[in-house]
Protein backbone atom coordinates (compact mmCIF):
# COMPACT_ATOMS: atom_id res chain seq x y z
CA MET A 1 140.99 116.04 89.35
CA SER A 2 139.77 112.66 91.34
CA SER A 3 136.24 110.80 91.03
CA GLU A 4 136.54 109.38 94.59
CA GLN A 5 132.69 109.36 95.54
CA GLY A 6 131.97 112.74 97.68
CA GLU A 7 133.11 112.40 101.28
CA ASP A 8 130.09 114.01 102.92
CA GLY A 9 127.34 111.55 100.60
CA LEU A 10 125.99 114.62 98.84
CA ASP A 11 122.70 113.59 96.32
CA ILE A 12 120.85 114.22 94.02
CA GLU A 13 117.38 114.55 95.42
CA GLU A 14 113.84 115.62 94.00
CA VAL A 15 112.77 118.94 95.58
CA VAL A 16 109.96 119.41 93.49
CA ARG A 17 106.75 116.73 94.95
CA PRO A 18 105.13 115.43 92.18
CA PRO A 19 101.40 116.38 91.14
CA THR A 20 98.47 114.58 92.08
CA ASP A 21 96.92 112.69 88.88
CA THR A 22 93.33 114.06 89.87
CA TYR A 23 92.21 117.51 87.93
CA ARG A 24 89.98 119.07 90.76
CA ILE A 25 87.70 121.50 89.63
CA LEU A 26 84.75 123.47 90.58
CA HIS A 27 82.29 124.45 88.33
CA VAL A 28 79.90 127.78 89.36
CA ASP A 29 76.85 127.76 87.79
CA ASP A 30 73.14 129.03 88.63
CA ASP A 31 71.62 126.18 86.46
CA PRO A 32 71.69 123.06 88.50
CA GLU A 33 71.34 120.74 85.31
CA PHE A 34 73.18 122.47 83.58
CA VAL A 35 76.39 121.64 85.74
CA LYS A 36 74.92 118.21 86.26
CA LEU A 37 74.61 117.84 82.50
CA THR A 38 78.49 119.60 82.26
CA SER A 39 79.74 117.25 84.52
CA LYS A 40 79.01 114.29 83.17
CA PHE A 41 79.88 115.53 79.56
CA LEU A 42 83.18 116.15 81.67
CA GLU A 43 83.82 113.12 83.47
CA ARG A 44 83.34 111.07 80.00
CA GLU A 45 86.24 113.61 78.25
CA ASP A 46 88.61 112.67 81.45
CA ASP A 47 88.02 110.15 84.05
CA MET A 48 90.97 112.18 86.42
CA PHE A 49 88.32 114.83 86.67
CA ASP A 50 87.58 115.17 90.17
CA ILE A 51 84.08 117.81 89.01
CA SER A 52 81.87 119.80 92.80
CA THR A 53 79.55 122.39 91.92
CA GLU A 54 77.49 124.87 92.98
CA THR A 55 75.32 126.98 91.89
CA SER A 56 76.41 130.59 93.00
CA ALA A 57 79.16 132.55 93.23
CA ASP A 58 79.20 132.85 97.19
CA ASP A 59 79.03 128.96 98.18
CA ALA A 60 82.03 128.82 95.91
CA LEU A 61 83.98 131.41 97.55
CA ASP A 62 83.27 129.23 101.36
CA ARG A 63 84.34 126.35 99.98
CA PHE A 64 87.54 127.49 99.39
CA SER A 65 88.61 127.28 103.02
CA ALA A 66 87.56 123.54 103.29
CA GLU A 67 89.05 122.16 100.12
CA ASP A 68 92.23 121.94 97.61
CA LEU A 69 91.01 122.91 93.80
CA ASP A 70 92.93 122.82 90.93
CA CYS A 71 90.39 125.11 88.37
CA ILE A 72 87.28 127.28 88.79
CA VAL A 73 84.98 126.87 85.99
CA SER A 74 82.08 130.00 86.16
CA ASP A 75 79.06 130.73 84.24
CA TYR A 76 79.53 134.69 83.81
CA ASP A 77 75.20 135.77 84.25
CA MET A 78 74.08 134.53 88.09
CA PRO A 79 72.21 136.34 90.35
CA GLY A 80 73.89 137.75 93.10
CA THR A 81 77.43 138.12 92.54
CA ASP A 82 78.27 137.20 88.48
CA GLY A 83 81.14 135.65 87.06
CA LEU A 84 82.94 138.45 86.98
CA GLU A 85 82.96 139.79 90.60
CA PHE A 86 83.55 136.10 91.41
CA LEU A 87 86.90 136.02 89.92
CA ARG A 88 87.93 139.35 90.88
CA GLU A 89 86.78 138.19 94.39
CA LEU A 90 88.76 134.88 93.70
CA ARG A 91 91.91 136.88 92.47
CA THR A 92 92.43 138.61 95.67
CA ARG A 93 92.75 135.47 97.78
CA TYR A 94 94.11 132.76 94.86
CA PRO A 95 95.91 135.25 92.77
CA ASP A 96 96.87 132.15 89.79
CA LEU A 97 94.31 129.71 90.65
CA PRO A 98 92.70 128.67 87.28
CA PHE A 99 89.87 130.37 86.44
CA ILE A 100 87.64 129.68 83.27
CA LEU A 101 84.82 132.09 82.08
CA PHE A 102 81.96 129.01 80.56
CA THR A 103 79.43 131.33 79.12
CA GLY A 104 76.59 131.70 77.45
CA LYS A 105 76.55 135.70 77.03
CA GLY A 106 79.77 135.93 75.39
CA SER A 107 80.59 139.69 74.23
CA GLU A 108 84.18 141.82 73.52
CA GLU A 109 83.11 143.82 76.53
CA ILE A 110 82.46 140.81 78.48
CA ALA A 111 85.51 138.83 77.53
CA GLY A 112 87.84 142.66 78.17
CA GLU A 113 86.67 142.62 81.43
CA ALA A 114 87.62 139.12 82.07
CA ILE A 115 90.75 139.57 80.79
CA SER A 116 91.50 142.77 82.82
CA ALA A 117 90.36 140.26 85.94
CA GLY A 118 92.87 137.92 85.85
CA VAL A 119 90.71 134.94 83.87
CA THR A 120 92.62 132.22 82.63
CA ASP A 121 91.00 131.50 79.86
CA TYR A 122 86.73 131.85 77.98
CA LEU A 123 85.24 129.83 76.09
CA GLN A 124 81.14 130.54 74.81
CA LYS A 125 78.82 127.73 76.31
CA GLY A 126 76.74 125.74 72.65
CA ARG A 127 74.88 122.84 72.15
CA ASP A 128 77.29 121.17 70.08
CA THR A 129 78.73 118.82 72.70
CA SER A 130 82.17 119.16 71.01
CA ARG A 131 82.09 122.09 73.67
CA TYR A 132 82.53 120.04 76.02
CA ALA A 133 85.40 118.49 74.50
CA LEU A 134 87.35 122.03 73.59
CA LEU A 135 86.41 122.98 77.35
CA ALA A 136 88.04 119.84 78.81
CA ASN A 137 91.34 120.06 76.73
CA ARG A 138 91.31 123.77 78.41
CA ILE A 139 90.88 122.71 81.44
CA ARG A 140 94.05 120.32 81.62
CA ASN A 141 96.06 122.38 79.81
CA ALA A 142 95.37 125.63 82.52
CA ILE A 143 95.65 123.05 85.17
CA ASP A 144 99.31 121.38 84.14
CA ARG A 145 100.29 125.32 83.06
CA TYR A 146 99.53 126.66 86.55
CA ARG A 147 101.29 123.32 89.26
CA ALA A 148 104.73 123.06 86.80
CA ASN A 149 104.49 126.86 87.34
CA GLU A 150 103.62 125.95 91.14
CA GLN A 151 106.32 123.56 91.07
CA MET A 152 108.95 126.04 89.21
CA VAL A 153 108.66 128.08 92.42
CA HIS A 154 108.27 125.63 95.03
CA GLY A 155 111.83 124.37 93.75
CA PHE A 156 113.72 127.57 93.69
CA LYS A 157 112.50 128.55 97.09
CA ALA A 158 114.15 125.20 97.99
CA LEU A 159 117.09 125.68 95.89
CA GLU A 160 117.61 129.09 97.26
CA THR A 161 117.40 127.82 100.68
CA ALA A 162 119.39 124.68 100.22
CA ARG A 163 123.02 124.49 102.37
CA GLU A 164 124.47 123.20 99.49
CA GLY A 165 125.54 124.82 96.64
CA VAL A 166 122.94 123.97 93.28
CA SER A 167 124.21 125.43 89.76
CA LEU A 168 121.66 124.86 86.48
CA LEU A 169 123.38 124.62 83.24
CA ASP A 170 122.38 124.42 79.91
CA GLU A 171 123.69 121.90 76.87
CA ASP A 172 126.43 123.92 76.06
CA GLY A 173 127.46 124.33 79.61
CA HIS A 174 126.51 127.83 80.63
CA PHE A 175 125.31 128.53 84.01
CA LEU A 176 121.98 129.62 84.23
CA TYR A 177 121.07 129.39 87.25
CA VAL A 178 123.48 129.39 90.71
CA ASN A 179 122.47 129.57 94.37
CA GLU A 180 123.94 131.54 96.91
CA ALA A 181 125.48 128.80 98.28
CA PHE A 182 127.22 128.20 95.14
CA ALA A 183 128.25 131.63 94.98
CA GLU A 184 130.00 131.86 98.22
CA THR A 185 131.94 128.92 97.51
CA THR A 186 133.23 130.22 94.58
CA GLY A 187 133.74 133.73 95.41
CA TYR A 188 132.15 135.28 92.97
CA THR A 189 128.69 137.14 92.12
CA ARG A 190 125.54 135.40 91.19
CA ALA A 191 125.52 138.16 88.66
CA LYS A 192 129.26 137.07 86.65
CA LEU A 193 128.45 133.41 87.16
CA LEU A 194 125.15 133.40 85.02
CA ASP A 195 126.07 133.00 81.61
CA ASN A 196 129.85 131.66 82.16
CA HIS A 197 130.77 128.43 81.09
CA TRP A 198 131.51 126.40 83.83
CA GLU A 199 135.11 125.66 82.69
CA PHE A 200 136.08 129.72 83.69
CA LEU A 201 136.23 127.55 87.49
CA CYS A 202 137.69 124.77 86.81
CA PRO A 203 141.62 124.60 85.97
CA GLU A 204 143.02 124.08 82.59
CA ASP A 205 144.93 120.59 83.62
CA GLU A 206 141.35 119.22 84.49
CA THR A 207 138.79 120.56 81.79
CA ASP A 208 139.78 117.84 79.00
CA ILE A 209 139.51 114.87 82.15
CA ILE A 210 136.08 116.74 82.37
CA HIS A 211 134.72 117.01 78.94
CA ASN A 212 135.88 113.37 78.17
CA GLU A 213 135.60 111.12 81.41
CA ILE A 214 133.26 112.99 83.62
CA LEU A 215 130.52 114.41 81.51
CA PRO A 216 130.22 111.68 78.40
CA THR A 217 129.12 109.13 82.09
CA VAL A 218 126.45 111.58 83.40
CA PRO A 219 123.79 110.45 80.42
CA VAL A 220 125.25 106.54 80.41
CA ASP A 221 124.56 106.29 84.14
CA GLY A 222 122.25 108.47 85.52
CA ARG A 223 124.74 110.72 87.43
CA TRP A 224 127.55 111.16 88.23
CA SER A 225 129.37 112.56 91.95
CA GLY A 226 132.71 112.42 92.86
CA VAL A 227 135.35 115.12 94.10
CA THR A 228 136.52 118.29 91.58
CA THR A 229 138.50 121.40 91.93
CA TYR A 230 137.56 124.52 91.45
CA VAL A 231 139.20 127.95 91.33
CA ARG A 232 137.79 130.63 93.42
CA LYS A 233 138.21 134.34 92.30
CA ASP A 234 141.10 134.93 94.94
CA GLY A 235 142.78 132.62 93.16
CA GLU A 236 142.58 129.62 95.56
CA ARG A 237 141.64 125.85 94.48
CA ILE A 238 139.44 123.86 96.62
CA ARG A 239 138.31 120.61 96.81
CA VAL A 240 134.61 119.94 95.41
CA ASP A 241 132.06 117.04 96.46
CA HIS A 242 130.29 117.34 93.38
CA ALA A 243 126.66 115.34 92.14
CA LEU A 244 125.75 115.45 88.64
CA SER A 245 122.62 114.72 86.82
CA TYR A 246 120.99 115.97 83.56
CA THR A 247 117.38 116.52 83.28
CA GLU A 248 114.85 115.69 80.43
CA ASP A 249 115.29 118.84 78.73
CA GLU A 250 119.23 118.31 79.14
CA THR A 251 120.02 120.84 81.76
CA LEU A 252 122.79 119.93 83.81
CA ILE A 253 121.74 120.22 87.49
CA CYS A 254 124.87 120.69 89.89
CA LEU A 255 125.10 120.15 93.61
CA THR A 256 128.81 121.31 95.36
CA GLN A 257 129.50 121.30 98.76
CA ASP A 258 133.22 122.41 99.93
CA LEU A 259 135.83 120.37 101.18
CA GLY A 260 138.34 122.90 101.46
CA LYS A 261 141.64 124.14 100.61
CA LYS A 262 143.21 121.55 98.12
CA ASP A 263 146.19 120.07 99.73
CA SER A 264 148.86 120.63 96.37
CA ASP A 265 150.57 117.13 97.12
CA HIS A 266 146.79 115.84 96.91
CA ASP A 267 145.55 113.87 93.68
């Protein structure tokens, strides 16, 4: 295996845009004084909360065409469209957007209907101001989960359409994910690659070099790039431009690009 730099300058780039730090929240309640009070307490709990308000579900639905929002906090008992009807309509447009039902009329029946309609969380109002701290925590958690899922979906879409081969490996070296370009490079199906160890693609005379010389440098330097050798399913040896990097949870990211058949006389 050669440790030369990749010939085509293959590099590891972040495919997911970092989320904004601001939490954009819409609070819907028919009591204008209550939404003002709630906004005040929530903004006191977290200065990154950007809270807008509406006093009817119909006005809230109209607002979506003009604003990007991260979470809805809604009362249940409102004139016209109630909180559950609001939730059901919202889910036809935004199936995954966090929706927290924050209501003074709590019952097992309402909670059950809300869960069936796709509510993210359910919290009863209360006179104790600690309820606002709890609500703030529920909002942050819901938005963080939502953003993480959106990032993952966006990231995997980018990986699927990448021209470079992309694979993710667990800390033991087994494939967790490979895109179609990576599978085509190796000649194996994606199903065959998944759960296999990377060693089965590597010539036996080069596995020690990878274990002892290459992989230890990745956490130290933050990344490694160079040219490696793969053995395709048909037995052909190919030179592969290879870039390695670890995520925070020790998943190994591998970007590869086929450089063609390996010359047996070339080291």
